[in-house]
Each structure stands twice: as structure tokens, then as C-alpha cells.
C-alpha atoms as a PDB file:
ATOM      1  CA  MET A   1      52.799 118.864 108.374  1.00  0.00           C
ATOM      2  CA  SER A   2      55.769 121.152 109.120  1.00  0.00           C
ATOM      3  CA  PHE A   3      55.197 120.649 112.863  1.00  0.00           C
ATOM      4  CA  ALA A   4      55.540 116.890 112.362  1.00  0.00           C
ATOM      5  CA  ILE A   5      58.786 117.323 110.412  1.00  0.00           C
ATOM      6  CA  ALA A   6      60.203 119.683 113.044  1.00  0.00           C
ATOM      7  CA  SER A   7      59.261 117.230 115.804  1.00  0.00           C
ATOM      8  CA  LEU A   8      60.937 114.396 113.922  1.00  0.00           C
ATOM      9  CA  ILE A   9      64.125 116.436 113.495  1.00  0.00           C
ATOM     10  CA  VAL A  10      64.168 117.307 117.205  1.00  0.00           C
ATOM     11  CA  LEU A  11      63.594 113.659 118.091  1.00  0.00           C
ATOM     12  CA  VAL A  12      66.515 112.569 115.904  1.00  0.00           C
ATOM     13  CA  ILE A  13      68.816 115.188 117.445  1.00  0.00           C
ATOM     14  CA  VAL A  14      67.833 114.160 120.976  1.00  0.00           C
ATOM     15  CA  ALA A  15      68.405 110.494 120.119  1.00  0.00           C
ATOM     16  CA  LEU A  16      71.841 111.258 118.652  1.00  0.00           C
ATOM     17  CA  VAL A  17      72.818 112.952 121.907  1.00  0.00           C
ATOM     18  CA  LEU A  18      71.226 110.533 124.385  1.00  0.00           C
ATOM     19  CA  ILE A  19      72.138 107.170 122.818  1.00  0.00           C
ATOM     20  CA  PRO A  20      75.929 107.528 123.346  1.00  0.00           C
ATOM     21  CA  ILE A  21      75.342 108.759 126.904  1.00  0.00           C
ATOM     22  CA  LEU A  22      73.102 105.795 127.703  1.00  0.00           C
ATOM     23  CA  ILE A  23      75.587 103.365 126.154  1.00  0.00           C
ATOM     24  CA  ARG A  24      78.329 104.758 128.374  1.00  0.00           C
ATOM     25  CA  VAL A  25      76.184 104.683 131.526  1.00  0.00           C
ATOM     26  CA  PHE A  26      74.988 101.114 131.009  1.00  0.00           C
ATOM     27  CA  GLY A  27      78.470 100.017 129.935  1.00  0.00           C
ATOM     28  CA  GLU A  28      79.928 101.336 133.193  1.00  0.00           C
ATOM     29  CA  ALA A  29      77.202  99.612 135.185  1.00  0.00           C
ATOM     30  CA  ALA A  30      77.876  96.310 133.445  1.00  0.00           C
ATOM     31  CA  ARG A  31      81.615  96.676 133.951  1.00  0.00           C
ATOM     32  CA  ARG A  32      81.155  97.176 137.697  1.00  0.00           C
ATOM     33  CA  ASN A  33      78.643  94.338 138.098  1.00  0.00           C
ATOM     34  CA  PRO A  34      80.236  91.801 140.484  1.00  0.00           C
ATOM     35  CA  ASN A  35      77.851  89.037 139.336  1.00  0.00           C
ATOM     36  CA  ARG A  36      79.044  89.136 135.740  1.00  0.00           C
ATOM     37  CA  PRO A  37      81.466  86.295 134.908  1.00  0.00           C
ATOM     38  CA  GLY A  38      84.966  87.728 134.765  1.00  0.00           C
ATOM     39  CA  GLY A  39      83.734  91.082 136.027  1.00  0.00           C
ATOM     40  CA  GLU A  40      85.071  93.201 138.842  1.00  0.00           C
ATOM     41  CA  GLY A  41      84.639  91.579 142.222  1.00  0.00           C
ATOM     42  CA  ARG A  42      85.234  88.032 140.991  1.00  0.00           C
ATOM     43  CA  SER A  43      88.100  87.327 143.370  1.00  0.00           C
ATOM     44  CA  GLU A  44      88.336  84.150 145.385  1.00  0.00           C
ATOM     45  CA  PRO A  45      85.483  83.972 147.930  1.00  0.00           C
ATOM     46  CA  ASP A  46      87.838  83.506 150.924  1.00  0.00           C
ATOM     47  CA  GLU A  47      89.981  86.444 149.916  1.00  0.00           C
ATOM     48  CA  GLU A  48      86.928  88.607 149.275  1.00  0.00           C
ATOM     49  CA  ALA A  49      85.392  87.737 152.658  1.00  0.00           C
ATOM     50  CA  ARG A  50      88.689  88.465 154.413  1.00  0.00           C
ATOM     51  CA  GLN A  51      88.905  91.893 152.791  1.00  0.00           C
ATOM     52  CA  ARG A  52      85.330  92.747 153.776  1.00  0.00           C
ATOM     53  CA  HIS A  53      85.423  91.534 157.386  1.00  0.00           C
ATOM     54  CA  SER A  54      88.945  92.312 158.489  1.00  0.00           C
ATOM     55  CA  GLY A  55      89.690  95.586 160.183  1.00  0.00           C
ATOM     56  CA  PRO A  56      92.722  97.784 159.643  1.00  0.00           C
ATOM     57  CA  SER A  57      95.960  95.883 159.860  1.00  0.00           C
ATOM     58  CA  ARG A  58      97.906  96.384 163.079  1.00  0.00           C
ATOM     59  CA  GLY A  59     101.371  95.603 162.060  1.00  0.00           C
END
């Protein structure tokens, strides 16, 4: 019985530590997702293609 209580306490402590870390990791991933409406990378398609395919400017 005491082993079960100790395991439950350890599980709660681990969850309290890991849940905020996971929220931050998945939040960053969602913020960087270019497919999300209004997310990063949602520039105009022509401008985005120009930035990807053009070399260094020679001016």
C-alpha cells in the first residue's frame, strides 16, 4: 500500500514538471508551423518563392 502511495506521489511530481515543458515545446512547434493560418511563413506566395530561389543580391 505504501509503495502505491509513493508511486502516485512520484507520478504527480513528474507530471508537474513535464506538463509545462511539453506545453512550451508544442507551443513553439505550433507557432513555427507555416501551414497554420496566420502563422509564421504566411507571406505572399510570390514573395516567398522569390526569397527561397533568389541568390545573394549583387548590387
